[in-house]
Amino acid sequence: MIDKLAGALDFYQQALGLRHERQQVLAANIANADTPHYKARDFDFAKELGRAVEQGGGLSLATTSARHIPGGTAGGGVRDLLYRVPDQPSLDGNTVNMDRERVQFADNSVRYQSALTMANARIKGLKSAMQSE
């Protein structure tokens, strides 16, 4: 029974984890908008979500020491963190376009919230199916 519940919610877990990770990447881009030679990063959300779903496991945590306990399940985080191609390169070598970053950040926030709303609706549906009348 528990494995069926986990399977029903696994997609939402992966989608929310990737949205969270993308939010961190976009926030790093915004934070480094004035850093010389900083290269803006991002990843293809659909491609990474497809890879995570194919692997069938949740996202895992990265460890910084061999003595740390590995968290999560096999699968890993984002595999293909890409550099953005600048629309108009700056003289200091920074490729952050603040307009693009703000739009992507807001878009990702809205999509995170909608995924969270859908996950909550799914949990409520499963909960009502399990309750006796």
N, C-alpha and C. Protein backbone atom coordinates (compact mmCIF):
# COMPACT_ATOMS: atom_id res chain seq x y z
N MET A 1 0.82 -1.19 0.00
CA MET A 1 0.00 0.00 0.00
C MET A 1 0.87 1.26 0.00
N ILE A 2 1.90 1.25 0.84
CA ILE A 2 2.77 2.43 0.92
C ILE A 2 3.50 2.66 -0.40
N ASP A 3 3.93 1.57 -1.06
CA ASP A 3 4.65 1.73 -2.32
C ASP A 3 3.74 2.32 -3.40
N LYS A 4 2.44 2.02 -3.36
CA LYS A 4 1.51 2.61 -4.32
C LYS A 4 1.31 4.09 -4.05
N LEU A 5 1.28 4.46 -2.77
CA LEU A 5 1.18 5.88 -2.42
C LEU A 5 2.44 6.63 -2.85
N ALA A 6 3.59 6.02 -2.59
CA ALA A 6 4.85 6.65 -2.99
C ALA A 6 4.91 6.80 -4.51
N GLY A 7 4.46 5.80 -5.23
CA GLY A 7 4.45 5.86 -6.69
C GLY A 7 3.52 6.93 -7.22
N ALA A 8 2.39 7.13 -6.53
CA ALA A 8 1.43 8.15 -6.96
C ALA A 8 1.97 9.56 -6.75
N LEU A 9 2.84 9.73 -5.78
CA LEU A 9 3.35 11.06 -5.45
C LEU A 9 4.78 11.29 -5.94
N ASP A 10 5.40 10.28 -6.51
CA ASP A 10 6.80 10.37 -6.93
C ASP A 10 7.02 11.45 -7.99
N PHE A 11 6.12 11.53 -8.97
CA PHE A 11 6.27 12.54 -10.03
C PHE A 11 6.27 13.94 -9.44
N TYR A 12 5.36 14.21 -8.51
CA TYR A 12 5.29 15.53 -7.90
C TYR A 12 6.54 15.83 -7.09
N GLN A 13 7.06 14.82 -6.41
CA GLN A 13 8.30 15.00 -5.64
C GLN A 13 9.44 15.39 -6.57
N GLN A 14 9.56 14.70 -7.68
CA GLN A 14 10.62 15.00 -8.63
C GLN A 14 10.44 16.37 -9.26
N ALA A 15 9.22 16.70 -9.65
CA ALA A 15 8.96 17.99 -10.28
C ALA A 15 9.24 19.14 -9.32
N LEU A 16 8.80 19.01 -8.07
CA LEU A 16 9.04 20.06 -7.09
C LEU A 16 10.52 20.19 -6.76
N GLY A 17 11.22 19.06 -6.68
CA GLY A 17 12.66 19.10 -6.42
C GLY A 17 13.43 19.79 -7.52
N LEU A 18 13.06 19.51 -8.77
CA LEU A 18 13.73 20.16 -9.90
C LEU A 18 13.37 21.64 -9.99
N ARG A 19 12.12 21.98 -9.69
CA ARG A 19 11.74 23.41 -9.67
C ARG A 19 12.53 24.16 -8.61
N HIS A 20 12.71 23.52 -7.45
CA HIS A 20 13.50 24.13 -6.38
C HIS A 20 14.95 24.33 -6.82
N GLU A 21 15.50 23.31 -7.45
CA GLU A 21 16.88 23.41 -7.92
C GLU A 21 17.04 24.49 -8.99
N ARG A 22 16.06 24.60 -9.87
CA ARG A 22 16.12 25.65 -10.91
C ARG A 22 16.01 27.03 -10.28
N GLN A 23 15.18 27.15 -9.23
CA GLN A 23 15.05 28.44 -8.55
C GLN A 23 16.40 28.86 -7.96
N GLN A 24 17.14 27.91 -7.42
CA GLN A 24 18.46 28.22 -6.87
C GLN A 24 19.43 28.67 -7.96
N VAL A 25 19.39 28.02 -9.10
CA VAL A 25 20.27 28.40 -10.22
C VAL A 25 19.94 29.81 -10.70
N LEU A 26 18.65 30.09 -10.84
CA LEU A 26 18.24 31.42 -11.30
C LEU A 26 18.57 32.49 -10.26
N ALA A 27 18.43 32.17 -8.98
CA ALA A 27 18.78 33.12 -7.92
C ALA A 27 20.28 33.40 -7.94
N ALA A 28 21.08 32.38 -8.21
CA ALA A 28 22.53 32.58 -8.30
C ALA A 28 22.87 33.50 -9.48
N ASN A 29 22.15 33.35 -10.58
CA ASN A 29 22.37 34.24 -11.72
C ASN A 29 22.06 35.68 -11.35
N ILE A 30 20.93 35.90 -10.68
CA ILE A 30 20.54 37.24 -10.29
C ILE A 30 21.53 37.83 -9.30
N ALA A 31 21.97 37.01 -8.34
CA ALA A 31 22.91 37.49 -7.33
C ALA A 31 24.25 37.89 -7.93
N ASN A 32 24.62 37.26 -9.03
CA ASN A 32 25.92 37.53 -9.65
C ASN A 32 25.82 38.41 -10.89
N ALA A 33 24.77 39.20 -10.97
CA ALA A 33 24.56 40.05 -12.14
C ALA A 33 25.67 41.07 -12.33
N ASP A 34 26.33 41.48 -11.26
CA ASP A 34 27.40 42.48 -11.36
C ASP A 34 28.79 41.87 -11.20
N THR A 35 28.89 40.56 -11.18
CA THR A 35 30.19 39.89 -11.03
C THR A 35 30.86 39.78 -12.39
N PRO A 36 32.06 40.35 -12.54
CA PRO A 36 32.75 40.26 -13.83
C PRO A 36 33.04 38.80 -14.22
N HIS A 37 32.85 38.49 -15.47
CA HIS A 37 33.12 37.19 -16.08
C HIS A 37 32.22 36.07 -15.56
N TYR A 38 31.11 36.42 -14.87
CA TYR A 38 30.17 35.38 -14.42
C TYR A 38 29.34 34.94 -15.62
N LYS A 39 29.19 33.65 -15.77
CA LYS A 39 28.41 33.08 -16.87
C LYS A 39 27.07 32.57 -16.32
N ALA A 40 25.97 33.09 -16.84
CA ALA A 40 24.64 32.69 -16.41
C ALA A 40 24.40 31.22 -16.75
N ARG A 41 23.74 30.50 -15.83
CA ARG A 41 23.49 29.07 -15.99
C ARG A 41 21.99 28.81 -15.96
N ASP A 42 21.59 27.69 -16.52
CA ASP A 42 20.21 27.22 -16.47
C ASP A 42 20.20 25.78 -16.95
N PHE A 43 19.05 25.12 -16.88
CA PHE A 43 18.93 23.78 -17.43
C PHE A 43 17.56 23.60 -18.05
N ASP A 44 17.46 22.62 -18.92
CA ASP A 44 16.21 22.30 -19.61
C ASP A 44 15.35 21.48 -18.65
N PHE A 45 14.32 22.12 -18.08
CA PHE A 45 13.50 21.47 -17.06
C PHE A 45 12.83 20.21 -17.59
N ALA A 46 12.24 20.28 -18.78
CA ALA A 46 11.52 19.13 -19.35
C ALA A 46 12.45 17.94 -19.54
N LYS A 47 13.65 18.20 -20.03
CA LYS A 47 14.62 17.12 -20.25
C LYS A 47 15.04 16.48 -18.92
N GLU A 48 15.30 17.30 -17.92
CA GLU A 48 15.72 16.78 -16.62
C GLU A 48 14.58 16.04 -15.91
N LEU A 49 13.35 16.53 -16.06
CA LEU A 49 12.22 15.83 -15.46
C LEU A 49 12.00 14.49 -16.15
N GLY A 50 12.12 14.46 -17.46
CA GLY A 50 12.02 13.20 -18.20
C GLY A 50 13.07 12.20 -17.77
N ARG A 51 14.29 12.68 -17.55
CA ARG A 51 15.37 11.79 -17.09
C ARG A 51 15.07 11.26 -15.70
N ALA A 52 14.57 12.12 -14.82
CA ALA A 52 14.25 11.71 -13.46
C ALA A 52 13.11 10.70 -13.43
N VAL A 53 12.11 10.90 -14.27
CA VAL A 53 10.98 9.97 -14.33
C VAL A 53 11.43 8.63 -14.88
N GLU A 54 12.29 8.64 -15.90
CA GLU A 54 12.81 7.39 -16.47
C GLU A 54 13.56 6.57 -15.44
N GLN A 55 14.34 7.25 -14.60
CA GLN A 55 15.11 6.54 -13.59
C GLN A 55 14.23 6.01 -12.48
N GLY A 56 13.06 6.62 -12.32
CA GLY A 56 12.09 6.11 -11.37
C GLY A 56 12.41 6.38 -9.92
N GLY A 57 13.48 7.07 -9.63
CA GLY A 57 13.82 7.37 -8.24
C GLY A 57 13.68 8.84 -7.97
N GLY A 58 13.71 9.18 -6.70
CA GLY A 58 13.67 10.58 -6.32
C GLY A 58 15.02 11.23 -6.51
N LEU A 59 15.12 12.47 -6.15
CA LEU A 59 16.37 13.20 -6.26
C LEU A 59 17.24 12.86 -5.06
N SER A 60 18.53 12.80 -5.26
CA SER A 60 19.43 12.49 -4.15
C SER A 60 20.18 13.73 -3.71
N LEU A 61 20.73 13.66 -2.54
CA LEU A 61 21.49 14.77 -2.00
C LEU A 61 22.97 14.59 -2.31
N ALA A 62 23.66 15.67 -2.56
CA ALA A 62 25.10 15.62 -2.80
C ALA A 62 25.81 15.64 -1.46
N THR A 63 26.89 14.88 -1.34
CA THR A 63 27.69 14.89 -0.11
C THR A 63 29.02 15.55 -0.39
N THR A 64 29.57 16.19 0.63
CA THR A 64 30.85 16.88 0.47
C THR A 64 31.99 16.11 1.12
N SER A 65 31.67 15.02 1.77
CA SER A 65 32.69 14.21 2.42
C SER A 65 32.30 12.74 2.29
N ALA A 66 33.29 11.86 2.22
CA ALA A 66 33.03 10.43 2.13
C ALA A 66 32.39 9.90 3.41
N ARG A 67 32.52 10.64 4.50
CA ARG A 67 31.96 10.20 5.77
C ARG A 67 30.49 10.59 5.94
N HIS A 68 29.95 11.39 5.03
CA HIS A 68 28.55 11.79 5.11
C HIS A 68 27.65 10.62 4.71
N ILE A 69 26.46 10.60 5.30
CA ILE A 69 25.47 9.59 4.96
C ILE A 69 24.75 10.05 3.70
N PRO A 70 24.71 9.21 2.66
CA PRO A 70 24.00 9.62 1.44
C PRO A 70 22.51 9.70 1.71
N GLY A 71 21.88 10.75 1.19
CA GLY A 71 20.45 10.94 1.39
C GLY A 71 19.69 10.70 0.11
N GLY A 72 18.40 10.49 0.22
CA GLY A 72 17.55 10.29 -0.95
C GLY A 72 17.80 8.94 -1.59
N THR A 73 17.38 8.83 -2.85
CA THR A 73 17.57 7.61 -3.60
C THR A 73 18.46 7.89 -4.79
N ALA A 74 18.85 6.85 -5.48
CA ALA A 74 19.72 7.03 -6.64
C ALA A 74 19.00 7.85 -7.70
N GLY A 75 19.72 8.63 -8.43
CA GLY A 75 19.12 9.44 -9.48
C GLY A 75 19.87 10.74 -9.68
N GLY A 76 20.25 11.35 -8.59
CA GLY A 76 21.04 12.56 -8.67
C GLY A 76 20.23 13.77 -9.05
N GLY A 77 20.87 14.91 -8.98
CA GLY A 77 20.22 16.16 -9.32
C GLY A 77 20.32 16.43 -10.81
N VAL A 78 20.45 17.68 -11.14
CA VAL A 78 20.53 18.09 -12.54
C VAL A 78 21.85 17.63 -13.13
N ARG A 79 21.77 16.94 -14.23
CA ARG A 79 22.96 16.42 -14.88
C ARG A 79 23.55 17.43 -15.87
N ASP A 80 22.69 18.14 -16.59
CA ASP A 80 23.14 19.04 -17.65
C ASP A 80 22.87 20.49 -17.29
N LEU A 81 23.74 21.09 -16.49
CA LEU A 81 23.63 22.51 -16.17
C LEU A 81 24.36 23.26 -17.28
N LEU A 82 23.60 24.04 -18.04
CA LEU A 82 24.13 24.67 -19.24
C LEU A 82 24.40 26.15 -19.03
N TYR A 83 25.24 26.71 -19.88
CA TYR A 83 25.49 28.15 -19.89
C TYR A 83 24.49 28.80 -20.83
N ARG A 84 24.01 29.99 -20.45
CA ARG A 84 23.11 30.73 -21.32
C ARG A 84 23.90 31.44 -22.41
N VAL A 85 23.32 31.51 -23.58
CA VAL A 85 23.93 32.27 -24.67
C VAL A 85 23.47 33.71 -24.50
N PRO A 86 24.42 34.66 -24.35
CA PRO A 86 24.03 36.05 -24.10
C PRO A 86 23.41 36.71 -25.32
N ASP A 87 22.37 37.51 -25.06
CA ASP A 87 21.76 38.30 -26.14
C ASP A 87 22.67 39.45 -26.53
N GLN A 88 23.22 40.09 -25.52
CA GLN A 88 24.10 41.22 -25.74
C GLN A 88 25.21 41.13 -24.70
N PRO A 89 26.37 40.61 -25.07
CA PRO A 89 27.46 40.43 -24.10
C PRO A 89 27.94 41.77 -23.54
N SER A 90 28.28 41.75 -22.27
CA SER A 90 28.77 42.97 -21.63
C SER A 90 30.29 43.05 -21.76
N LEU A 91 30.83 44.23 -21.50
CA LEU A 91 32.27 44.44 -21.63
C LEU A 91 33.06 43.67 -20.57
N ASP A 92 32.45 43.42 -19.40
CA ASP A 92 33.17 42.71 -18.34
C ASP A 92 33.05 41.19 -18.44
N GLY A 93 32.38 40.68 -19.49
CA GLY A 93 32.27 39.24 -19.70
C GLY A 93 31.12 38.58 -18.96
N ASN A 94 30.30 39.34 -18.27
CA ASN A 94 29.14 38.80 -17.56
C ASN A 94 28.02 38.56 -18.56
N THR A 95 27.38 37.39 -18.50
CA THR A 95 26.32 37.05 -19.45
C THR A 95 24.92 37.07 -18.85
N VAL A 96 24.77 37.64 -17.65
CA VAL A 96 23.47 37.70 -17.00
C VAL A 96 22.64 38.82 -17.62
N ASN A 97 21.45 38.49 -18.11
CA ASN A 97 20.49 39.45 -18.62
C ASN A 97 19.39 39.54 -17.56
N MET A 98 19.37 40.62 -16.78
CA MET A 98 18.46 40.73 -15.64
C MET A 98 16.99 40.62 -16.05
N ASP A 99 16.61 41.15 -17.19
CA ASP A 99 15.22 41.03 -17.63
C ASP A 99 14.85 39.57 -17.83
N ARG A 100 15.70 38.83 -18.52
CA ARG A 100 15.44 37.41 -18.75
C ARG A 100 15.43 36.63 -17.44
N GLU A 101 16.36 36.94 -16.55
CA GLU A 101 16.45 36.21 -15.28
C GLU A 101 15.21 36.46 -14.42
N ARG A 102 14.75 37.70 -14.37
CA ARG A 102 13.55 38.01 -13.59
C ARG A 102 12.32 37.29 -14.14
N VAL A 103 12.19 37.27 -15.45
CA VAL A 103 11.06 36.59 -16.07
C VAL A 103 11.13 35.09 -15.78
N GLN A 104 12.30 34.50 -15.96
CA GLN A 104 12.47 33.06 -15.70
C GLN A 104 12.22 32.74 -14.23
N PHE A 105 12.69 33.60 -13.32
CA PHE A 105 12.51 33.40 -11.89
C PHE A 105 11.02 33.43 -11.53
N ALA A 106 10.31 34.43 -12.04
CA ALA A 106 8.87 34.54 -11.76
C ALA A 106 8.10 33.38 -12.37
N ASP A 107 8.45 33.00 -13.60
CA ASP A 107 7.79 31.88 -14.27
C ASP A 107 8.00 30.59 -13.48
N ASN A 108 9.23 30.36 -13.03
CA ASN A 108 9.52 29.15 -12.27
C ASN A 108 8.78 29.16 -10.93
N SER A 109 8.64 30.32 -10.31
CA SER A 109 7.91 30.44 -9.05
C SER A 109 6.44 30.07 -9.23
N VAL A 110 5.84 30.57 -10.29
CA VAL A 110 4.43 30.27 -10.57
C VAL A 110 4.26 28.78 -10.86
N ARG A 111 5.17 28.22 -11.63
CA ARG A 111 5.08 26.79 -11.96
C ARG A 111 5.32 25.91 -10.72
N TYR A 112 6.20 26.34 -9.83
CA TYR A 112 6.41 25.62 -8.57
C TYR A 112 5.12 25.63 -7.75
N GLN A 113 4.50 26.80 -7.64
CA GLN A 113 3.26 26.91 -6.87
C GLN A 113 2.15 26.06 -7.48
N SER A 114 2.04 26.04 -8.80
CA SER A 114 0.99 25.23 -9.43
C SER A 114 1.27 23.74 -9.25
N ALA A 115 2.53 23.32 -9.31
CA ALA A 115 2.86 21.91 -9.05
C ALA A 115 2.54 21.54 -7.61
N LEU A 116 2.79 22.45 -6.69
CA LEU A 116 2.47 22.22 -5.29
C LEU A 116 0.95 22.11 -5.10
N THR A 117 0.20 22.95 -5.77
CA THR A 117 -1.27 22.89 -5.70
C THR A 117 -1.79 21.57 -6.24
N MET A 118 -1.22 21.10 -7.36
CA MET A 118 -1.64 19.82 -7.93
C MET A 118 -1.28 18.66 -7.02
N ALA A 119 -0.12 18.72 -6.39
CA ALA A 119 0.28 17.67 -5.46
C ALA A 119 -0.66 17.64 -4.26
N ASN A 120 -1.01 18.81 -3.75
CA ASN A 120 -1.96 18.87 -2.63
C ASN A 120 -3.32 18.31 -3.01
N ALA A 121 -3.78 18.60 -4.22
CA ALA A 121 -5.06 18.06 -4.69
C ALA A 121 -4.99 16.55 -4.81
N ARG A 122 -3.86 16.05 -5.28
CA ARG A 122 -3.69 14.60 -5.41
C ARG A 122 -3.69 13.93 -4.04
N ILE A 123 -3.02 14.53 -3.08
CA ILE A 123 -2.99 14.00 -1.71
C ILE A 123 -4.39 14.00 -1.11
N LYS A 124 -5.14 15.09 -1.30
CA LYS A 124 -6.51 15.14 -0.79
C LYS A 124 -7.38 14.08 -1.44
N GLY A 125 -7.20 13.86 -2.73
CA GLY A 125 -7.96 12.82 -3.43
C GLY A 125 -7.64 11.43 -2.90
N LEU A 126 -6.36 11.16 -2.69
CA LEU A 126 -5.95 9.85 -2.15
C LEU A 126 -6.45 9.68 -0.72
N LYS A 127 -6.41 10.76 0.04
CA LYS A 127 -6.87 10.71 1.43
C LYS A 127 -8.38 10.42 1.50
N SER A 128 -9.15 11.08 0.64
CA SER A 128 -10.60 10.84 0.65
C SER A 128 -10.93 9.44 0.15
N ALA A 129 -10.12 8.88 -0.74
CA ALA A 129 -10.35 7.51 -1.21
C ALA A 129 -10.06 6.49 -0.13
N MET A 130 -9.14 6.80 0.78
CA MET A 130 -8.77 5.86 1.84
C MET A 130 -9.70 5.93 3.04
N GLN A 131 -10.41 7.04 3.23
CA GLN A 131 -11.29 7.18 4.37
C GLN A 131 -12.59 6.42 4.17
N SER A 132 -13.05 5.81 5.24
CA SER A 132 -14.32 5.10 5.16
C SER A 132 -15.47 6.09 5.30
N GLU A 133 -16.59 5.73 4.75
CA GLU A 133 -17.75 6.62 4.81
C GLU A 133 -18.57 6.39 6.03
